[in-house]
Every structure is written in structure tokens, then in C-alpha cells.
All heavy atoms as atom14 arrays in JSON, in Angstrom:
{
  "sequence": "RVLSVHKESKDMGRDLRVGGWITLALGPGLAVFGWILGI",
  "atom14_mask": [
    [1, 1, 1, 1, 1, 1, 1, 1, 1, 1, 1, 0, 0, 0],
    [1, 1, 1, 1, 1, 1, 1, 0, 0, 0, 0, 0, 0, 0],
    [1, 1, 1, 1, 1, 1, 1, 1, 0, 0, 0, 0, 0, 0],
    [1, 1, 1, 1, 1, 1, 0, 0, 0, 0, 0, 0, 0, 0],
    [1, 1, 1, 1, 1, 1, 1, 0, 0, 0, 0, 0, 0, 0],
    [1, 1, 1, 1, 1, 1, 1, 1, 1, 1, 0, 0, 0, 0],
    [1, 1, 1, 1, 1, 1, 1, 1, 1, 0, 0, 0, 0, 0],
    [1, 1, 1, 1, 1, 1, 1, 1, 1, 0, 0, 0, 0, 0],
    [1, 1, 1, 1, 1, 1, 0, 0, 0, 0, 0, 0, 0, 0],
    [1, 1, 1, 1, 1, 1, 1, 1, 1, 0, 0, 0, 0, 0],
    [1, 1, 1, 1, 1, 1, 1, 1, 0, 0, 0, 0, 0, 0],
    [1, 1, 1, 1, 1, 1, 1, 1, 0, 0, 0, 0, 0, 0],
    [1, 1, 1, 1, 0, 0, 0, 0, 0, 0, 0, 0, 0, 0],
    [1, 1, 1, 1, 1, 1, 1, 1, 1, 1, 1, 0, 0, 0],
    [1, 1, 1, 1, 1, 1, 1, 1, 0, 0, 0, 0, 0, 0],
    [1, 1, 1, 1, 1, 1, 1, 1, 0, 0, 0, 0, 0, 0],
    [1, 1, 1, 1, 1, 1, 1, 1, 1, 1, 1, 0, 0, 0],
    [1, 1, 1, 1, 1, 1, 1, 0, 0, 0, 0, 0, 0, 0],
    [1, 1, 1, 1, 0, 0, 0, 0, 0, 0, 0, 0, 0, 0],
    [1, 1, 1, 1, 0, 0, 0, 0, 0, 0, 0, 0, 0, 0],
    [1, 1, 1, 1, 1, 1, 1, 1, 1, 1, 1, 1, 1, 1],
    [1, 1, 1, 1, 1, 1, 1, 1, 0, 0, 0, 0, 0, 0],
    [1, 1, 1, 1, 1, 1, 1, 0, 0, 0, 0, 0, 0, 0],
    [1, 1, 1, 1, 1, 1, 1, 1, 0, 0, 0, 0, 0, 0],
    [1, 1, 1, 1, 1, 0, 0, 0, 0, 0, 0, 0, 0, 0],
    [1, 1, 1, 1, 1, 1, 1, 1, 0, 0, 0, 0, 0, 0],
    [1, 1, 1, 1, 0, 0, 0, 0, 0, 0, 0, 0, 0, 0],
    [1, 1, 1, 1, 1, 1, 1, 0, 0, 0, 0, 0, 0, 0],
    [1, 1, 1, 1, 0, 0, 0, 0, 0, 0, 0, 0, 0, 0],
    [1, 1, 1, 1, 1, 1, 1, 1, 0, 0, 0, 0, 0, 0],
    [1, 1, 1, 1, 1, 0, 0, 0, 0, 0, 0, 0, 0, 0],
    [1, 1, 1, 1, 1, 1, 1, 0, 0, 0, 0, 0, 0, 0],
    [1, 1, 1, 1, 1, 1, 1, 1, 1, 1, 1, 0, 0, 0],
    [1, 1, 1, 1, 0, 0, 0, 0, 0, 0, 0, 0, 0, 0],
    [1, 1, 1, 1, 1, 1, 1, 1, 1, 1, 1, 1, 1, 1],
    [1, 1, 1, 1, 1, 1, 1, 1, 0, 0, 0, 0, 0, 0],
    [1, 1, 1, 1, 1, 1, 1, 1, 0, 0, 0, 0, 0, 0],
    [1, 1, 1, 1, 0, 0, 0, 0, 0, 0, 0, 0, 0, 0],
    [1, 1, 1, 1, 1, 1, 1, 1, 0, 0, 0, 0, 0, 0]
  ],
  "atom14_positions": [
    [[-84.14, -298.24, 68.03], [-84.04, -299.68, 68.32], [-84.83, -300.47, 67.31], [-84.38, -301.5, 66.81], [-84.5, -299.95, 69.71], [-84.07, -301.29, 70.2], [-84.44, -301.52, 71.66], [-85.86, -301.19, 71.82], [-86.44, -300.89, 72.97], [-85.73, -300.85, 74.05], [-87.71, -300.62, 73.03], [0.0, 0.0, 0.0], [0.0, 0.0, 0.0], [0.0, 0.0, 0.0]],
    [[-86.03, -300.05, 66.98], [-86.91, -300.78, 66.07], [-86.34, -300.7, 64.65], [-86.33, -301.71, 63.92], [-88.35, -300.28, 66.09], [-89.18, -300.88, 65.01], [-88.99, -300.62, 67.45], [0.0, 0.0, 0.0], [0.0, 0.0, 0.0], [0.0, 0.0, 0.0], [0.0, 0.0, 0.0], [0.0, 0.0, 0.0], [0.0, 0.0, 0.0], [0.0, 0.0, 0.0]],
    [[-85.95, -299.49, 64.22], [-85.46, -299.37, 62.87], [-84.0, -299.76, 62.73], [-83.48, -299.86, 61.6], [-85.66, -297.93, 62.42], [-87.08, -297.44, 62.26], [-87.17, -295.99, 61.92], [-87.83, -298.31, 61.26], [0.0, 0.0, 0.0], [0.0, 0.0, 0.0], [0.0, 0.0, 0.0], [0.0, 0.0, 0.0], [0.0, 0.0, 0.0], [0.0, 0.0, 0.0]],
    [[-83.28, -299.92, 63.88], [-81.88, -300.27, 63.86], [-81.12, -299.44, 62.81], [-80.51, -299.95, 61.88], [-81.61, -301.75, 63.7], [-82.15, -302.2, 62.44], [0.0, 0.0, 0.0], [0.0, 0.0, 0.0], [0.0, 0.0, 0.0], [0.0, 0.0, 0.0], [0.0, 0.0, 0.0], [0.0, 0.0, 0.0], [0.0, 0.0, 0.0], [0.0, 0.0, 0.0]],
    [[-81.16, -298.1, 63.0], [-80.61, -297.19, 62.03], [-79.12, -297.4, 61.86], [-78.61, -297.45, 60.74], [-80.91, -295.74, 62.46], [-80.23, -294.75, 61.55], [-82.4, -295.51, 62.53], [0.0, 0.0, 0.0], [0.0, 0.0, 0.0], [0.0, 0.0, 0.0], [0.0, 0.0, 0.0], [0.0, 0.0, 0.0], [0.0, 0.0, 0.0], [0.0, 0.0, 0.0]],
    [[-78.35, -297.56, 62.95], [-76.93, -297.69, 62.85], [-76.55, -298.95, 63.59], [-77.05, -299.24, 64.69], [-76.22, -296.51, 63.51], [-76.57, -295.2, 62.88], [-76.12, -294.9, 61.63], [-77.36, -294.16, 63.27], [-76.57, -293.67, 61.29], [-77.3, -293.25, 62.28], [0.0, 0.0, 0.0], [0.0, 0.0, 0.0], [0.0, 0.0, 0.0], [0.0, 0.0, 0.0]],
    [[-75.54, -299.7, 63.03], [-74.99, -300.82, 63.8], [-74.05, -300.26, 64.79], [-73.42, -299.23, 64.6], [-74.23, -301.76, 62.79], [-75.13, -302.56, 61.91], [-74.25, -303.38, 60.97], [-74.11, -304.75, 61.53], [-73.35, -305.62, 60.64], [0.0, 0.0, 0.0], [0.0, 0.0, 0.0], [0.0, 0.0, 0.0], [0.0, 0.0, 0.0], [0.0, 0.0, 0.0]],
    [[-73.86, -300.99, 65.86], [-72.85, -300.56, 66.88], [-71.46, -300.72, 66.28], [-71.23, -301.58, 65.45], [-73.01, -301.41, 68.11], [-74.32, -301.19, 68.86], [-74.38, -302.03, 70.09], [-73.33, -302.38, 70.65], [-75.49, -302.31, 70.56], [0.0, 0.0, 0.0], [0.0, 0.0, 0.0], [0.0, 0.0, 0.0], [0.0, 0.0, 0.0], [0.0, 0.0, 0.0]],
    [[-70.58, -299.87, 66.68], [-69.22, -299.89, 66.12], [-68.51, -301.21, 66.38], [-67.73, -301.66, 65.52], [-68.38, -298.73, 66.67], [-68.19, -298.88, 68.02], [0.0, 0.0, 0.0], [0.0, 0.0, 0.0], [0.0, 0.0, 0.0], [0.0, 0.0, 0.0], [0.0, 0.0, 0.0], [0.0, 0.0, 0.0], [0.0, 0.0, 0.0], [0.0, 0.0, 0.0]],
    [[-68.78, -301.88, 67.49], [-68.1, -303.14, 67.75], [-68.56, -304.18, 66.71], [-67.8, -305.06, 66.33], [-68.29, -303.6, 69.15], [-69.7, -304.03, 69.51], [-69.76, -304.53, 70.95], [-71.18, -305.0, 71.21], [-71.28, -305.63, 72.5], [0.0, 0.0, 0.0], [0.0, 0.0, 0.0], [0.0, 0.0, 0.0], [0.0, 0.0, 0.0], [0.0, 0.0, 0.0]],
    [[-69.83, -304.11, 66.3], [-70.3, -305.01, 65.28], [-69.63, -304.76, 63.94], [-69.24, -305.67, 63.23], [-71.82, -304.93, 65.1], [-72.6, -305.44, 66.32], [-71.99, -306.24, 67.08], [-73.74, -305.11, 66.47], [0.0, 0.0, 0.0], [0.0, 0.0, 0.0], [0.0, 0.0, 0.0], [0.0, 0.0, 0.0], [0.0, 0.0, 0.0], [0.0, 0.0, 0.0]],
    [[-69.42, -303.5, 63.58], [-68.78, -303.14, 62.36], [-67.29, -303.59, 62.39], [-66.79, -304.11, 61.46], [-68.83, -301.63, 62.13], [-70.25, -301.16, 61.83], [-70.89, -301.73, 60.27], [-70.05, -300.61, 59.22], [0.0, 0.0, 0.0], [0.0, 0.0, 0.0], [0.0, 0.0, 0.0], [0.0, 0.0, 0.0], [0.0, 0.0, 0.0], [0.0, 0.0, 0.0]],
    [[-66.64, -303.43, 63.58], [-65.28, -303.87, 63.7], [-65.16, -305.38, 63.54], [-64.26, -305.91, 62.9], [0.0, 0.0, 0.0], [0.0, 0.0, 0.0], [0.0, 0.0, 0.0], [0.0, 0.0, 0.0], [0.0, 0.0, 0.0], [0.0, 0.0, 0.0], [0.0, 0.0, 0.0], [0.0, 0.0, 0.0], [0.0, 0.0, 0.0], [0.0, 0.0, 0.0]],
    [[-66.14, -306.08, 64.15], [-66.16, -307.54, 64.01], [-66.38, -307.93, 62.57], [-65.73, -308.84, 62.05], [-67.26, -308.11, 64.87], [-67.28, -309.63, 64.86], [-68.56, -310.23, 65.36], [-69.57, -309.91, 64.35], [-70.84, -309.61, 64.65], [-71.27, -309.63, 65.89], [-71.68, -309.32, 63.71], [0.0, 0.0, 0.0], [0.0, 0.0, 0.0], [0.0, 0.0, 0.0]],
    [[-67.21, -307.24, 61.87], [-67.5, -307.58, 60.46], [-66.28, -307.37, 59.62], [-65.99, -308.11, 58.7], [-68.68, -306.7, 59.95], [-70.03, -307.08, 60.56], [-70.09, -308.1, 61.24], [-70.97, -306.29, 60.43], [0.0, 0.0, 0.0], [0.0, 0.0, 0.0], [0.0, 0.0, 0.0], [0.0, 0.0, 0.0], [0.0, 0.0, 0.0], [0.0, 0.0, 0.0]],
    [[-65.57, -306.26, 59.9], [-64.32, -306.05, 59.15], [-63.29, -307.11, 59.42], [-62.61, -307.59, 58.47], [-63.74, -304.63, 59.54], [-64.41, -303.44, 58.93], [-63.86, -302.17, 59.57], [-64.31, -303.41, 57.42], [0.0, 0.0, 0.0], [0.0, 0.0, 0.0], [0.0, 0.0, 0.0], [0.0, 0.0, 0.0], [0.0, 0.0, 0.0], [0.0, 0.0, 0.0]],
    [[-63.17, -307.57, 60.67], [-62.23, -308.63, 61.0], [-62.66, -309.94, 60.3], [-61.79, -310.7, 59.8], [-62.1, -308.78, 62.49], [-61.28, -307.66, 63.15], [-60.96, -307.98, 64.58], [-62.18, -308.12, 65.45], [-62.84, -307.14, 66.03], [-62.41, -305.91, 65.9], [-63.89, -307.41, 66.77], [0.0, 0.0, 0.0], [0.0, 0.0, 0.0], [0.0, 0.0, 0.0]],
    [[-63.93, -310.25, 60.3], [-64.43, -311.47, 59.66], [-64.08, -311.41, 58.14], [-63.59, -312.4, 57.57], [-65.9, -311.7, 59.89], [-66.48, -312.79, 58.97], [-66.19, -312.07, 61.33], [0.0, 0.0, 0.0], [0.0, 0.0, 0.0], [0.0, 0.0, 0.0], [0.0, 0.0, 0.0], [0.0, 0.0, 0.0], [0.0, 0.0, 0.0], [0.0, 0.0, 0.0]],
    [[-64.32, -310.26, 57.55], [-63.95, -310.1, 56.15], [-62.49, -310.29, 55.91], [-62.04, -310.85, 54.9], [0.0, 0.0, 0.0], [0.0, 0.0, 0.0], [0.0, 0.0, 0.0], [0.0, 0.0, 0.0], [0.0, 0.0, 0.0], [0.0, 0.0, 0.0], [0.0, 0.0, 0.0], [0.0, 0.0, 0.0], [0.0, 0.0, 0.0], [0.0, 0.0, 0.0]],
    [[-61.68, -309.77, 56.86], [-60.25, -309.91, 56.77], [-59.81, -311.37, 56.81], [-58.97, -311.8, 56.04], [0.0, 0.0, 0.0], [0.0, 0.0, 0.0], [0.0, 0.0, 0.0], [0.0, 0.0, 0.0], [0.0, 0.0, 0.0], [0.0, 0.0, 0.0], [0.0, 0.0, 0.0], [0.0, 0.0, 0.0], [0.0, 0.0, 0.0], [0.0, 0.0, 0.0]],
    [[-60.41, -312.15, 57.71], [-60.08, -313.59, 57.78], [-60.5, -314.32, 56.53], [-59.79, -315.24, 56.1], [-60.71, -314.2, 59.03], [-59.96, -313.85, 60.31], [-60.45, -313.07, 61.32], [-58.65, -314.26, 60.67], [-59.46, -312.95, 62.28], [-58.36, -313.66, 61.94], [-57.7, -315.0, 60.06], [-57.18, -313.85, 62.54], [-56.44, -315.19, 60.7], [-56.22, -314.62, 61.92]],
    [[-61.67, -313.96, 56.02], [-62.13, -314.67, 54.8], [-61.18, -314.38, 53.64], [-60.77, -315.3, 52.91], [-63.59, -314.25, 54.47], [-64.52, -314.82, 55.5], [-63.97, -314.69, 53.07], [-65.94, -314.3, 55.43], [0.0, 0.0, 0.0], [0.0, 0.0, 0.0], [0.0, 0.0, 0.0], [0.0, 0.0, 0.0], [0.0, 0.0, 0.0], [0.0, 0.0, 0.0]],
    [[-60.83, -313.14, 53.45], [-59.96, -312.77, 52.29], [-58.54, -313.36, 52.53], [-57.85, -313.67, 51.57], [-59.91, -311.27, 52.02], [-59.57, -310.6, 53.25], [-61.25, -310.8, 51.52], [0.0, 0.0, 0.0], [0.0, 0.0, 0.0], [0.0, 0.0, 0.0], [0.0, 0.0, 0.0], [0.0, 0.0, 0.0], [0.0, 0.0, 0.0], [0.0, 0.0, 0.0]],
    [[-58.1, -313.41, 53.82], [-56.81, -313.99, 54.13], [-56.77, -315.48, 53.69], [-55.76, -315.96, 53.18], [-56.51, -313.89, 55.6], [-55.16, -314.32, 56.08], [-54.07, -313.49, 55.49], [-55.1, -314.32, 57.62], [0.0, 0.0, 0.0], [0.0, 0.0, 0.0], [0.0, 0.0, 0.0], [0.0, 0.0, 0.0], [0.0, 0.0, 0.0], [0.0, 0.0, 0.0]],
    [[-57.89, -316.18, 53.95], [-57.96, -317.6, 53.51], [-58.02, -317.72, 51.98], [-57.55, -318.74, 51.44], [-59.13, -318.27, 54.17], [0.0, 0.0, 0.0], [0.0, 0.0, 0.0], [0.0, 0.0, 0.0], [0.0, 0.0, 0.0], [0.0, 0.0, 0.0], [0.0, 0.0, 0.0], [0.0, 0.0, 0.0], [0.0, 0.0, 0.0], [0.0, 0.0, 0.0]],
    [[-58.61, -316.74, 51.31], [-58.69, -316.85, 49.85], [-57.39, -316.71, 49.17], [-57.16, -317.3, 48.11], [-59.63, -315.73, 49.36], [-61.13, -315.97, 49.5], [-61.89, -314.73, 49.15], [-61.56, -317.15, 48.66], [0.0, 0.0, 0.0], [0.0, 0.0, 0.0], [0.0, 0.0, 0.0], [0.0, 0.0, 0.0], [0.0, 0.0, 0.0], [0.0, 0.0, 0.0]],
    [[-56.42, -315.95, 49.74], [-55.15, -315.72, 49.09], [-54.41, -317.03, 48.79], [-54.1, -317.31, 47.6], [0.0, 0.0, 0.0], [0.0, 0.0, 0.0], [0.0, 0.0, 0.0], [0.0, 0.0, 0.0], [0.0, 0.0, 0.0], [0.0, 0.0, 0.0], [0.0, 0.0, 0.0], [0.0, 0.0, 0.0], [0.0, 0.0, 0.0], [0.0, 0.0, 0.0]],
    [[-54.09, -317.86, 49.8], [-53.4, -319.12, 49.47], [-54.25, -320.06, 48.61], [-53.75, -320.79, 47.79], [-53.19, -319.74, 50.88], [-53.26, -318.6, 51.81], [-54.2, -317.59, 51.22], [0.0, 0.0, 0.0], [0.0, 0.0, 0.0], [0.0, 0.0, 0.0], [0.0, 0.0, 0.0], [0.0, 0.0, 0.0], [0.0, 0.0, 0.0], [0.0, 0.0, 0.0]],
    [[-55.56, -320.03, 48.79], [-56.48, -320.87, 47.98], [-56.35, -320.51, 46.48], [-56.28, -321.38, 45.61], [0.0, 0.0, 0.0], [0.0, 0.0, 0.0], [0.0, 0.0, 0.0], [0.0, 0.0, 0.0], [0.0, 0.0, 0.0], [0.0, 0.0, 0.0], [0.0, 0.0, 0.0], [0.0, 0.0, 0.0], [0.0, 0.0, 0.0], [0.0, 0.0, 0.0]],
    [[-56.33, -319.2, 46.24], [-56.2, -318.77, 44.83], [-54.82, -319.14, 44.28], [-54.71, -319.42, 43.07], [-56.49, -317.27, 44.7], [-57.97, -316.91, 44.91], [-58.09, -315.37, 45.01], [-58.8, -317.43, 43.78], [0.0, 0.0, 0.0], [0.0, 0.0, 0.0], [0.0, 0.0, 0.0], [0.0, 0.0, 0.0], [0.0, 0.0, 0.0], [0.0, 0.0, 0.0]],
    [[-53.8, -319.04, 45.12], [-52.41, -319.4, 44.64], [-52.39, -320.88, 44.25], [-51.84, -321.24, 43.2], [-51.44, -319.09, 45.75], [0.0, 0.0, 0.0], [0.0, 0.0, 0.0], [0.0, 0.0, 0.0], [0.0, 0.0, 0.0], [0.0, 0.0, 0.0], [0.0, 0.0, 0.0], [0.0, 0.0, 0.0], [0.0, 0.0, 0.0], [0.0, 0.0, 0.0]],
    [[-52.97, -321.75, 45.07], [-52.99, -323.15, 44.73], [-53.85, -323.4, 43.49], [-53.44, -324.18, 42.61], [-53.55, -324.0, 45.93], [-53.8, -325.42, 45.55], [-52.58, -323.91, 47.09], [0.0, 0.0, 0.0], [0.0, 0.0, 0.0], [0.0, 0.0, 0.0], [0.0, 0.0, 0.0], [0.0, 0.0, 0.0], [0.0, 0.0, 0.0], [0.0, 0.0, 0.0]],
    [[-54.93, -322.7, 43.36], [-55.77, -322.83, 42.17], [-55.0, -322.43, 40.9], [-55.06, -323.06, 39.84], [-57.06, -321.99, 42.35], [-58.0, -322.07, 41.19], [-58.55, -323.28, 40.87], [-58.32, -320.95, 40.48], [-59.46, -323.36, 39.77], [-59.2, -321.04, 39.41], [-59.81, -322.23, 39.07], [0.0, 0.0, 0.0], [0.0, 0.0, 0.0], [0.0, 0.0, 0.0]],
    [[-54.23, -321.34, 41.02], [-53.4, -320.87, 39.87], [-52.33, -321.9, 39.54], [-52.06, -322.1, 38.34], [0.0, 0.0, 0.0], [0.0, 0.0, 0.0], [0.0, 0.0, 0.0], [0.0, 0.0, 0.0], [0.0, 0.0, 0.0], [0.0, 0.0, 0.0], [0.0, 0.0, 0.0], [0.0, 0.0, 0.0], [0.0, 0.0, 0.0], [0.0, 0.0, 0.0]],
    [[-51.75, -322.53, 40.53], [-50.75, -323.56, 40.29], [-51.36, -324.74, 39.52], [-50.77, -325.23, 38.56], [-50.17, -323.98, 41.61], [-49.18, -325.13, 41.51], [-47.91, -325.05, 40.9], [-49.32, -326.44, 42.0], [-47.28, -326.26, 41.01], [-48.13, -327.13, 41.67], [-50.36, -327.08, 42.67], [-47.98, -328.46, 42.0], [-50.15, -328.42, 42.98], [-48.99, -329.12, 42.67]],
    [[-52.55, -325.13, 39.95], [-53.25, -326.23, 39.25], [-53.62, -325.85, 37.82], [-53.43, -326.61, 36.9], [-54.51, -326.65, 40.06], [-54.1, -327.3, 41.39], [-55.38, -327.61, 39.23], [-55.25, -327.5, 42.34], [0.0, 0.0, 0.0], [0.0, 0.0, 0.0], [0.0, 0.0, 0.0], [0.0, 0.0, 0.0], [0.0, 0.0, 0.0], [0.0, 0.0, 0.0]],
    [[-54.12, -324.59, 37.63], [-54.46, -324.16, 36.28], [-53.16, -324.08, 35.42], [-53.21, -324.42, 34.2], [-55.08, -322.77, 36.29], [-56.54, -322.7, 36.76], [-56.99, -321.25, 36.82], [-57.42, -323.53, 35.81], [0.0, 0.0, 0.0], [0.0, 0.0, 0.0], [0.0, 0.0, 0.0], [0.0, 0.0, 0.0], [0.0, 0.0, 0.0], [0.0, 0.0, 0.0]],
    [[-52.04, -323.7, 36.01], [-50.84, -323.66, 35.27], [-50.35, -325.02, 34.8], [-49.84, -325.17, 33.67], [0.0, 0.0, 0.0], [0.0, 0.0, 0.0], [0.0, 0.0, 0.0], [0.0, 0.0, 0.0], [0.0, 0.0, 0.0], [0.0, 0.0, 0.0], [0.0, 0.0, 0.0], [0.0, 0.0, 0.0], [0.0, 0.0, 0.0], [0.0, 0.0, 0.0]],
    [[-50.55, -326.04, 35.63], [-50.22, -327.39, 35.23], [-51.15, -327.87, 34.13], [-50.73, -328.49, 33.16], [-50.25, -328.37, 36.44], [-49.13, -327.99, 37.42], [-50.16, -329.78, 36.02], [-49.19, -328.73, 38.73], [0.0, 0.0, 0.0], [0.0, 0.0, 0.0], [0.0, 0.0, 0.0], [0.0, 0.0, 0.0], [0.0, 0.0, 0.0], [0.0, 0.0, 0.0]]
  ]
}
């Protein structure tokens, strides 16, 4: 408990989902950025 050697699996699952949502939002943002750079 003091050293918190391992995170609980539900925390890791939540972290993976948060990362998924962040990268999901980056996809369309990068596409719009590329369109602007192309212009």
C-alpha cells in the first residue's frame, strides 16, 4: 500500500480508455490541420 507497487487493473483499463479518447480526438484535429497546411 505504501509503495503502491502495482496499479489496480481497473485503473489501468481506465488509463487505456482515456488514452483512446485523447488519440481519437487527435485524428480529426490532425486532418483539419493538414487541410489548413495544404491550403
